[in-house]
C-alpha atoms as a PDB file:
ATOM      1  CA  UNK A   1      50.178  40.339  32.630  1.00  0.00           C
ATOM      2  CA  UNK A   2      49.534  38.695  29.268  1.00  0.00           C
ATOM      3  CA  UNK A   3      47.085  40.214  26.781  1.00  0.00           C
ATOM      4  CA  UNK A   4      44.271  37.664  26.576  1.00  0.00           C
ATOM      5  CA  UNK A   5      42.101  37.529  23.442  1.00  0.00           C
ATOM      6  CA  UNK A   6      39.770  34.678  24.440  1.00  0.00           C
ATOM      7  CA  UNK A   7      38.639  32.989  27.639  1.00  0.00           C
ATOM      8  CA  UNK A   8      36.028  30.409  28.409  1.00  0.00           C
ATOM      9  CA  UNK A   9      34.712  30.177  31.963  1.00  0.00           C
ATOM     10  CA  UNK A  10      33.211  26.902  33.169  1.00  0.00           C
ATOM     11  CA  UNK A  11      31.913  26.278  29.656  1.00  0.00           C
ATOM     12  CA  UNK A  12      29.718  23.214  29.312  1.00  0.00           C
ATOM     13  CA  UNK A  13      27.671  21.466  26.642  1.00  0.00           C
ATOM     14  CA  UNK A  14      25.241  18.610  27.214  1.00  0.00           C
ATOM     15  CA  UNK A  15      23.584  16.587  24.464  1.00  0.00           C
ATOM     16  CA  UNK A  16      20.535  14.848  25.965  1.00  0.00           C
ATOM     17  CA  UNK A  17      22.152  13.180  29.002  1.00  0.00           C
ATOM     18  CA  UNK A  18      25.771  13.199  27.859  1.00  0.00           C
ATOM     19  CA  UNK A  19      28.120  15.970  28.953  1.00  0.00           C
ATOM     20  CA  UNK A  20      30.338  16.530  25.900  1.00  0.00           C
ATOM     21  CA  UNK A  21      32.183  19.461  27.526  1.00  0.00           C
ATOM     22  CA  UNK A  22      32.385  19.831  31.310  1.00  0.00           C
ATOM     23  CA  UNK A  23      33.133  23.229  32.889  1.00  0.00           C
ATOM     24  CA  UNK A  24      36.067  23.993  30.595  1.00  0.00           C
ATOM     25  CA  UNK A  25      38.027  27.185  31.270  1.00  0.00           C
ATOM     26  CA  UNK A  26      40.733  28.034  28.730  1.00  0.00           C
ATOM     27  CA  UNK A  27      42.831  31.190  28.407  1.00  0.00           C
ATOM     28  CA  UNK A  28      44.274  32.117  25.001  1.00  0.00           C
ATOM     29  CA  UNK A  29      46.988  34.831  24.830  1.00  0.00           C
ATOM     30  CA  UNK A  30      46.847  37.251  21.899  1.00  0.00           C
ATOM     31  CA  UNK A  31      49.127  36.550  18.911  1.00  0.00           C
ATOM     32  CA  UNK A  32      49.920  33.040  20.084  1.00  0.00           C
ATOM     33  CA  UNK A  33      49.281  29.569  18.697  1.00  0.00           C
ATOM     34  CA  UNK A  34      47.191  27.630  21.199  1.00  0.00           C
ATOM     35  CA  UNK A  35      47.191  23.876  20.659  1.00  0.00           C
ATOM     36  CA  UNK A  36      44.054  22.137  21.878  1.00  0.00           C
ATOM     37  CA  UNK A  37      45.030  18.494  22.284  1.00  0.00           C
ATOM     38  CA  UNK A  38      42.834  15.502  22.940  1.00  0.00           C
ATOM     39  CA  UNK A  39      41.967  12.026  21.689  1.00  0.00           C
ATOM     40  CA  UNK A  40      39.109  11.557  19.227  1.00  0.00           C
ATOM     41  CA  UNK A  41      35.788  12.219  20.938  1.00  0.00           C
ATOM     42  CA  UNK A  42      37.380  14.276  23.704  1.00  0.00           C
ATOM     43  CA  UNK A  43      35.166  17.336  23.147  1.00  0.00           C
ATOM     44  CA  UNK A  44      37.575  19.484  21.110  1.00  0.00           C
ATOM     45  CA  UNK A  45      35.238  20.128  18.187  1.00  0.00           C
ATOM     46  CA  UNK A  46      32.276  20.779  20.480  1.00  0.00           C
ATOM     47  CA  UNK A  47      34.301  23.375  22.382  1.00  0.00           C
ATOM     48  CA  UNK A  48      35.408  25.107  19.176  1.00  0.00           C
ATOM     49  CA  UNK A  49      31.889  25.067  17.736  1.00  0.00           C
ATOM     50  CA  UNK A  50      30.663  26.925  20.815  1.00  0.00           C
ATOM     51  CA  UNK A  51      33.392  29.539  20.399  1.00  0.00           C
ATOM     52  CA  UNK A  52      32.345  30.217  16.784  1.00  0.00           C
ATOM     53  CA  UNK A  53      28.613  30.202  17.554  1.00  0.00           C
ATOM     54  CA  UNK A  54      27.757  26.911  15.823  1.00  0.00           C
ATOM     55  CA  UNK A  55      26.567  25.453  19.133  1.00  0.00           C
ATOM     56  CA  UNK A  56      24.965  27.191  22.102  1.00  0.00           C
ATOM     57  CA  UNK A  57      26.623  26.470  25.458  1.00  0.00           C
ATOM     58  CA  UNK A  58      24.562  24.694  28.090  1.00  0.00           C
ATOM     59  CA  UNK A  59      26.442  26.509  30.855  1.00  0.00           C
ATOM     60  CA  UNK A  60      29.312  28.927  31.441  1.00  0.00           C
ATOM     61  CA  UNK A  61      30.423  31.848  29.294  1.00  0.00           C
ATOM     62  CA  UNK A  62      32.852  32.900  26.578  1.00  0.00           C
ATOM     63  CA  UNK A  63      34.793  36.166  26.829  1.00  0.00           C
ATOM     64  CA  UNK A  64      36.301  37.695  23.687  1.00  0.00           C
ATOM     65  CA  UNK A  65      38.676  40.653  24.071  1.00  0.00           C
ATOM     66  CA  UNK A  66      37.455  41.136  27.631  1.00  0.00           C
ATOM     67  CA  UNK A  67      33.701  41.227  26.959  1.00  0.00           C
ATOM     68  CA  UNK A  68      31.035  38.567  26.894  1.00  0.00           C
ATOM     69  CA  UNK A  69      30.957  36.903  23.453  1.00  0.00           C
ATOM     70  CA  UNK A  70      28.348  38.313  21.090  1.00  0.00           C
ATOM     71  CA  UNK A  71      27.468  37.275  17.582  1.00  0.00           C
ATOM     72  CA  UNK A  72      28.984  40.366  16.005  1.00  0.00           C
ATOM     73  CA  UNK A  73      32.399  39.214  17.276  1.00  0.00           C
ATOM     74  CA  UNK A  74      32.294  36.727  14.388  1.00  0.00           C
ATOM     75  CA  UNK A  75      33.210  39.689  12.154  1.00  0.00           C
ATOM     76  CA  UNK A  76      36.793  39.289  13.462  1.00  0.00           C
ATOM     77  CA  UNK A  77      36.846  35.512  14.036  1.00  0.00           C
ATOM     78  CA  UNK A  78      37.693  33.109  11.208  1.00  0.00           C
ATOM     79  CA  UNK A  79      37.312  29.351  11.351  1.00  0.00           C
ATOM     80  CA  UNK A  80      37.855  26.118   9.487  1.00  0.00           C
ATOM     81  CA  UNK A  81      35.956  23.374  11.257  1.00  0.00           C
ATOM     82  CA  UNK A  82      35.561  19.964   9.646  1.00  0.00           C
ATOM     83  CA  UNK A  83      35.732  20.061   5.812  1.00  0.00           C
ATOM     84  CA  UNK A  84      36.553  23.268   3.954  1.00  0.00           C
ATOM     85  CA  UNK A  85      33.261  24.821   2.715  1.00  0.00           C
ATOM     86  CA  UNK A  86      34.052  24.816  -0.999  1.00  0.00           C
ATOM     87  CA  UNK A  87      32.064  24.973  -4.227  1.00  0.00           C
ATOM     88  CA  UNK A  88      33.973  22.305  -6.126  1.00  0.00           C
ATOM     89  CA  UNK A  89      32.800  23.525  -9.560  1.00  0.00           C
ATOM     90  CA  UNK A  90      34.276  26.991  -8.945  1.00  0.00           C
ATOM     91  CA  UNK A  91      37.854  28.269  -9.081  1.00  0.00           C
ATOM     92  CA  UNK A  92      39.661  29.513  -5.976  1.00  0.00           C
ATOM     93  CA  UNK A  93      38.955  33.118  -7.004  1.00  0.00           C
ATOM     94  CA  UNK A  94      35.256  32.430  -7.585  1.00  0.00           C
ATOM     95  CA  UNK A  95      34.925  30.579  -4.285  1.00  0.00           C
ATOM     96  CA  UNK A  96      36.285  33.660  -2.538  1.00  0.00           C
ATOM     97  CA  UNK A  97      34.174  36.003  -4.679  1.00  0.00           C
ATOM     98  CA  UNK A  98      31.019  34.289  -3.369  1.00  0.00           C
ATOM     99  CA  UNK A  99      32.118  35.102   0.189  1.00  0.00           C
ATOM    100  CA  UNK A 100      33.208  38.703  -0.433  1.00  0.00           C
ATOM    101  CA  UNK A 101      29.820  39.347  -2.030  1.00  0.00           C
ATOM    102  CA  UNK A 102      27.938  37.862   0.928  1.00  0.00           C
ATOM    103  CA  UNK A 103      30.126  39.614   3.508  1.00  0.00           C
ATOM    104  CA  UNK A 104      30.211  42.934   1.677  1.00  0.00           C
ATOM    105  CA  UNK A 105      34.011  42.913   1.443  1.00  0.00           C
ATOM    106  CA  UNK A 106      36.262  44.394  -1.222  1.00  0.00           C
ATOM    107  CA  UNK A 107      37.355  41.997  -3.981  1.00  0.00           C
ATOM    108  CA  UNK A 108      40.902  43.281  -3.431  1.00  0.00           C
ATOM    109  CA  UNK A 109      40.984  41.004  -0.395  1.00  0.00           C
ATOM    110  CA  UNK A 110      40.754  37.940  -2.678  1.00  0.00           C
ATOM    111  CA  UNK A 111      44.238  38.394  -4.109  1.00  0.00           C
ATOM    112  CA  UNK A 112      45.624  39.177  -0.650  1.00  0.00           C
ATOM    113  CA  UNK A 113      44.399  35.948   0.960  1.00  0.00           C
ATOM    114  CA  UNK A 114      45.378  33.810  -2.047  1.00  0.00           C
ATOM    115  CA  UNK A 115      48.915  35.181  -1.716  1.00  0.00           C
ATOM    116  CA  UNK A 116      48.940  34.422   2.011  1.00  0.00           C
ATOM    117  CA  UNK A 117      48.009  30.748   1.482  1.00  0.00           C
ATOM    118  CA  UNK A 118      50.059  30.295  -1.707  1.00  0.00           C
ATOM    119  CA  UNK A 119      47.198  29.695  -4.142  1.00  0.00           C
ATOM    120  CA  UNK A 120      47.638  32.765  -6.339  1.00  0.00           C
ATOM    121  CA  UNK A 121      48.592  30.741  -9.435  1.00  0.00           C
ATOM    122  CA  UNK A 122      45.714  28.233  -9.601  1.00  0.00           C
ATOM    123  CA  UNK A 123      44.054  30.083 -12.511  1.00  0.00           C
ATOM    124  CA  UNK A 124      40.968  28.358 -13.935  1.00  0.00           C
ATOM    125  CA  UNK A 125      41.507  25.101 -12.074  1.00  0.00           C
ATOM    126  CA  UNK A 126      38.340  24.177 -10.194  1.00  0.00           C
ATOM    127  CA  UNK A 127      38.418  23.448  -6.475  1.00  0.00           C
ATOM    128  CA  UNK A 128      37.181  19.899  -7.102  1.00  0.00           C
ATOM    129  CA  UNK A 129      40.486  19.229  -8.899  1.00  0.00           C
ATOM    130  CA  UNK A 130      42.599  20.513  -5.986  1.00  0.00           C
ATOM    131  CA  UNK A 131      44.685  18.223  -3.798  1.00  0.00           C
ATOM    132  CA  UNK A 132      43.566  17.825  -0.185  1.00  0.00           C
ATOM    133  CA  UNK A 133      46.286  20.241   0.925  1.00  0.00           C
ATOM    134  CA  UNK A 134      45.163  22.883  -1.577  1.00  0.00           C
ATOM    135  CA  UNK A 135      41.564  22.492  -0.427  1.00  0.00           C
ATOM    136  CA  UNK A 136      42.628  23.033   3.176  1.00  0.00           C
ATOM    137  CA  UNK A 137      44.591  26.146   2.213  1.00  0.00           C
ATOM    138  CA  UNK A 138      41.610  27.488   0.280  1.00  0.00           C
ATOM    139  CA  UNK A 139      39.456  26.830   3.348  1.00  0.00           C
ATOM    140  CA  UNK A 140      41.918  28.868   5.405  1.00  0.00           C
ATOM    141  CA  UNK A 141      41.856  31.625   2.753  1.00  0.00           C
ATOM    142  CA  UNK A 142      38.064  31.799   3.165  1.00  0.00           C
ATOM    143  CA  UNK A 143      38.516  32.021   6.947  1.00  0.00           C
ATOM    144  CA  UNK A 144      41.020  34.880   6.490  1.00  0.00           C
ATOM    145  CA  UNK A 145      38.800  37.049   4.264  1.00  0.00           C
ATOM    146  CA  UNK A 146      37.426  39.116   7.130  1.00  0.00           C
ATOM    147  CA  UNK A 147      40.905  39.970   8.511  1.00  0.00           C
ATOM    148  CA  UNK A 148      40.301  37.922  11.671  1.00  0.00           C
ATOM    149  CA  UNK A 149      41.994  38.595  14.976  1.00  0.00           C
ATOM    150  CA  UNK A 150      41.321  34.973  15.950  1.00  0.00           C
ATOM    151  CA  UNK A 151      41.573  31.978  13.621  1.00  0.00           C
ATOM    152  CA  UNK A 152      40.186  28.607  14.726  1.00  0.00           C
ATOM    153  CA  UNK A 153      41.383  25.477  12.935  1.00  0.00           C
ATOM    154  CA  UNK A 154      39.919  22.079  13.829  1.00  0.00           C
ATOM    155  CA  UNK A 155      42.214  19.169  12.876  1.00  0.00           C
ATOM    156  CA  UNK A 156      43.527  21.058   9.797  1.00  0.00           C
ATOM    157  CA  UNK A 157      46.129  18.427   8.822  1.00  0.00           C
ATOM    158  CA  UNK A 158      43.674  15.510   8.661  1.00  0.00           C
ATOM    159  CA  UNK A 159      44.101  13.606   5.399  1.00  0.00           C
ATOM    160  CA  UNK A 160      47.184  15.541   4.261  1.00  0.00           C
ATOM    161  CA  UNK A 161      50.367  13.945   2.970  1.00  0.00           C
ATOM    162  CA  UNK A 162      53.731  14.912   4.571  1.00  0.00           C
ATOM    163  CA  UNK A 163      54.308  17.720   2.046  1.00  0.00           C
ATOM    164  CA  UNK A 164      50.847  19.153   2.655  1.00  0.00           C
ATOM    165  CA  UNK A 165      51.398  18.992   6.418  1.00  0.00           C
ATOM    166  CA  UNK A 166      54.731  20.789   6.120  1.00  0.00           C
ATOM    167  CA  UNK A 167      53.242  23.565   3.964  1.00  0.00           C
ATOM    168  CA  UNK A 168      50.307  24.032   6.311  1.00  0.00           C
ATOM    169  CA  UNK A 169      52.595  24.057   9.343  1.00  0.00           C
ATOM    170  CA  UNK A 170      54.697  26.879   7.879  1.00  0.00           C
ATOM    171  CA  UNK A 171      51.560  28.828   7.006  1.00  0.00           C
ATOM    172  CA  UNK A 172      50.088  28.517  10.519  1.00  0.00           C
ATOM    173  CA  UNK A 173      53.382  29.516  12.152  1.00  0.00           C
ATOM    174  CA  UNK A 174      53.339  32.773  10.140  1.00  0.00           C
ATOM    175  CA  UNK A 175      49.993  33.989  11.497  1.00  0.00           C
ATOM    176  CA  UNK A 176      51.023  35.467  14.878  1.00  0.00           C
ATOM    177  CA  UNK A 177      53.401  37.834  13.010  1.00  0.00           C
ATOM    178  CA  UNK A 178      50.307  39.050  11.128  1.00  0.00           C
ATOM    179  CA  UNK A 179      48.506  39.741  14.449  1.00  0.00           C
ATOM    180  CA  UNK A 180      46.353  36.633  14.080  1.00  0.00           C
ATOM    181  CA  UNK A 181      45.890  34.407  17.121  1.00  0.00           C
ATOM    182  CA  UNK A 182      45.394  30.733  16.266  1.00  0.00           C
ATOM    183  CA  UNK A 183      43.556  27.999  18.169  1.00  0.00           C
ATOM    184  CA  UNK A 184      44.521  24.697  16.613  1.00  0.00           C
ATOM    185  CA  UNK A 185      42.914  21.417  17.646  1.00  0.00           C
ATOM    186  CA  UNK A 186      44.631  18.119  16.994  1.00  0.00           C
ATOM    187  CA  UNK A 187      45.240  14.630  18.306  1.00  0.00           C
ATOM    188  CA  UNK A 188      48.664  14.546  16.570  1.00  0.00           C
ATOM    189  CA  UNK A 189      51.173  15.509  19.258  1.00  0.00           C
ATOM    190  CA  UNK A 190      54.141  16.009  16.923  1.00  0.00           C
ATOM    191  CA  UNK A 191      52.286  18.641  14.906  1.00  0.00           C
ATOM    192  CA  UNK A 192      51.259  20.684  17.921  1.00  0.00           C
ATOM    193  CA  UNK A 193      54.692  20.315  19.467  1.00  0.00           C
ATOM    194  CA  UNK A 194      56.294  22.006  16.444  1.00  0.00           C
ATOM    195  CA  UNK A 195      54.053  25.069  16.233  1.00  0.00           C
ATOM    196  CA  UNK A 196      52.203  25.776  19.498  1.00  0.00           C
ATOM    197  CA  UNK A 197      53.201  28.265  22.209  1.00  0.00           C
ATOM    198  CA  UNK A 198      50.497  27.183  24.648  1.00  0.00           C
ATOM    199  CA  UNK A 199      48.545  23.968  25.008  1.00  0.00           C
ATOM    200  CA  UNK A 200      45.374  22.696  26.597  1.00  0.00           C
ATOM    201  CA  UNK A 201      44.728  18.973  26.981  1.00  0.00           C
ATOM    202  CA  UNK A 202      41.086  17.905  26.959  1.00  0.00           C
ATOM    203  CA  UNK A 203      39.844  14.390  27.558  1.00  0.00           C
ATOM    204  CA  UNK A 204      36.398  13.103  28.369  1.00  0.00           C
ATOM    205  CA  UNK A 205      35.124  16.667  28.034  1.00  0.00           C
ATOM    206  CA  UNK A 206      37.405  17.847  30.862  1.00  0.00           C
ATOM    207  CA  UNK A 207      40.333  20.257  30.505  1.00  0.00           C
ATOM    208  CA  UNK A 208      42.973  18.368  32.443  1.00  0.00           C
ATOM    209  CA  UNK A 209      45.926  20.639  31.706  1.00  0.00           C
ATOM    210  CA  UNK A 210      46.732  24.093  30.362  1.00  0.00           C
ATOM    211  CA  UNK A 211      50.046  25.909  30.156  1.00  0.00           C
ATOM    212  CA  UNK A 212      52.946  27.164  28.056  1.00  0.00           C
ATOM    213  CA  UNK A 213      54.634  24.560  25.911  1.00  0.00           C
ATOM    214  CA  UNK A 214      58.168  24.440  27.265  1.00  0.00           C
ATOM    215  CA  UNK A 215      61.095  23.484  25.066  1.00  0.00           C
ATOM    216  CA  UNK A 216      62.246  19.939  25.712  1.00  0.00           C
ATOM    217  CA  UNK A 217      59.070  18.995  27.565  1.00  0.00           C
ATOM    218  CA  UNK A 218      57.952  15.394  27.057  1.00  0.00           C
ATOM    219  CA  UNK A 219      54.575  16.181  25.548  1.00  0.00           C
ATOM    220  CA  UNK A 220      53.728  12.545  24.875  1.00  0.00           C
ATOM    221  CA  UNK A 221      54.217  11.617  28.521  1.00  0.00           C
ATOM    222  CA  UNK A 222      52.135  14.585  29.679  1.00  0.00           C
ATOM    223  CA  UNK A 223      49.381  13.852  27.152  1.00  0.00           C
ATOM    224  CA  UNK A 224      49.123  10.152  28.022  1.00  0.00           C
ATOM    225  CA  UNK A 225      49.003  10.960  31.721  1.00  0.00           C
ATOM    226  CA  UNK A 226      46.266  13.627  31.401  1.00  0.00           C
ATOM    227  CA  UNK A 227      44.222  12.040  28.607  1.00  0.00           C
ATOM    228  CA  UNK A 228      44.345   8.642  30.268  1.00  0.00           C
ATOM    229  CA  UNK A 229      43.098  10.071  33.541  1.00  0.00           C
ATOM    230  CA  UNK A 230      39.945  11.613  32.093  1.00  0.00           C
ATOM    231  CA  UNK A 231      39.098   9.750  28.919  1.00  0.00           C
ATOM    232  CA  UNK A 232      35.664   8.254  28.564  1.00  0.00           C
ATOM    233  CA  UNK A 233      35.153   4.525  28.580  1.00  0.00           C
ATOM    234  CA  UNK A 234      34.083   3.444  25.072  1.00  0.00           C
END
C-alpha cells in the first residue's frame, strides 16, 4: 500500500450559490509529483487554497499524514499560489530574512534555499529587477524555508519564457529526491506530462479522473474527454 501524505474526502466549496468545488476526493502519494489538471475556472486554485488554509471548506475534510488537517500542519506545508509574495525593493536575501524573522527560523536556511533554487549569486539586485522566472524561483525559495514535506504550486510556469519553464521544470523534478511531495496545478498538459507521476483532472469543480500517469498515455485525449464532460457552460 502506498504511503499517502494528503487526502481530501468529499471536499466542497460554495460561494453564494455557486459550487466551485464539488465533493472532490484526491489521494496524493508521498514523495511524488501530483499534477492537478483542469481548464481555467475549473476549481484548481480553490481546491489548493483550501488545502493551505486560505479558504474554509463548505463540506468534506482534508487529511494530512493520516490525521484531520489542522492549522499547525502549515509548519510543514509550503505553497506558491498566484503571484510570488515579494518585496520588490529588497534583495533575495532580504526577502528571505523577513520570513525567517517572522517564522523564527535560522538565517542559515536562507543560503540553503537560495542554492536549491539557483539564486545564490543575485547579490544586491532587488527583486523588482528580477526576470519573471527568477521571481518564481524566489517565491519557491520562500515556500521552502520551513523545510516542507508538501509543496503546493499553483500554475508556477504562467508568464515564463521557454528557458524559465525549463529551469523550473528541472527544479520541481528534483524535489521528491529531497523528500518533498509536490502538488502542481496547471492547464498546460505538456508541462504536467513531463514531470508528474500522478494526475487528477478537475473540470466544473468535479474531479473526473485520478490515477498514475502512464508512459505513452495520450494525456490530451484523456483531458479533453474528462474536461469536456464536466466543464461549466460559460
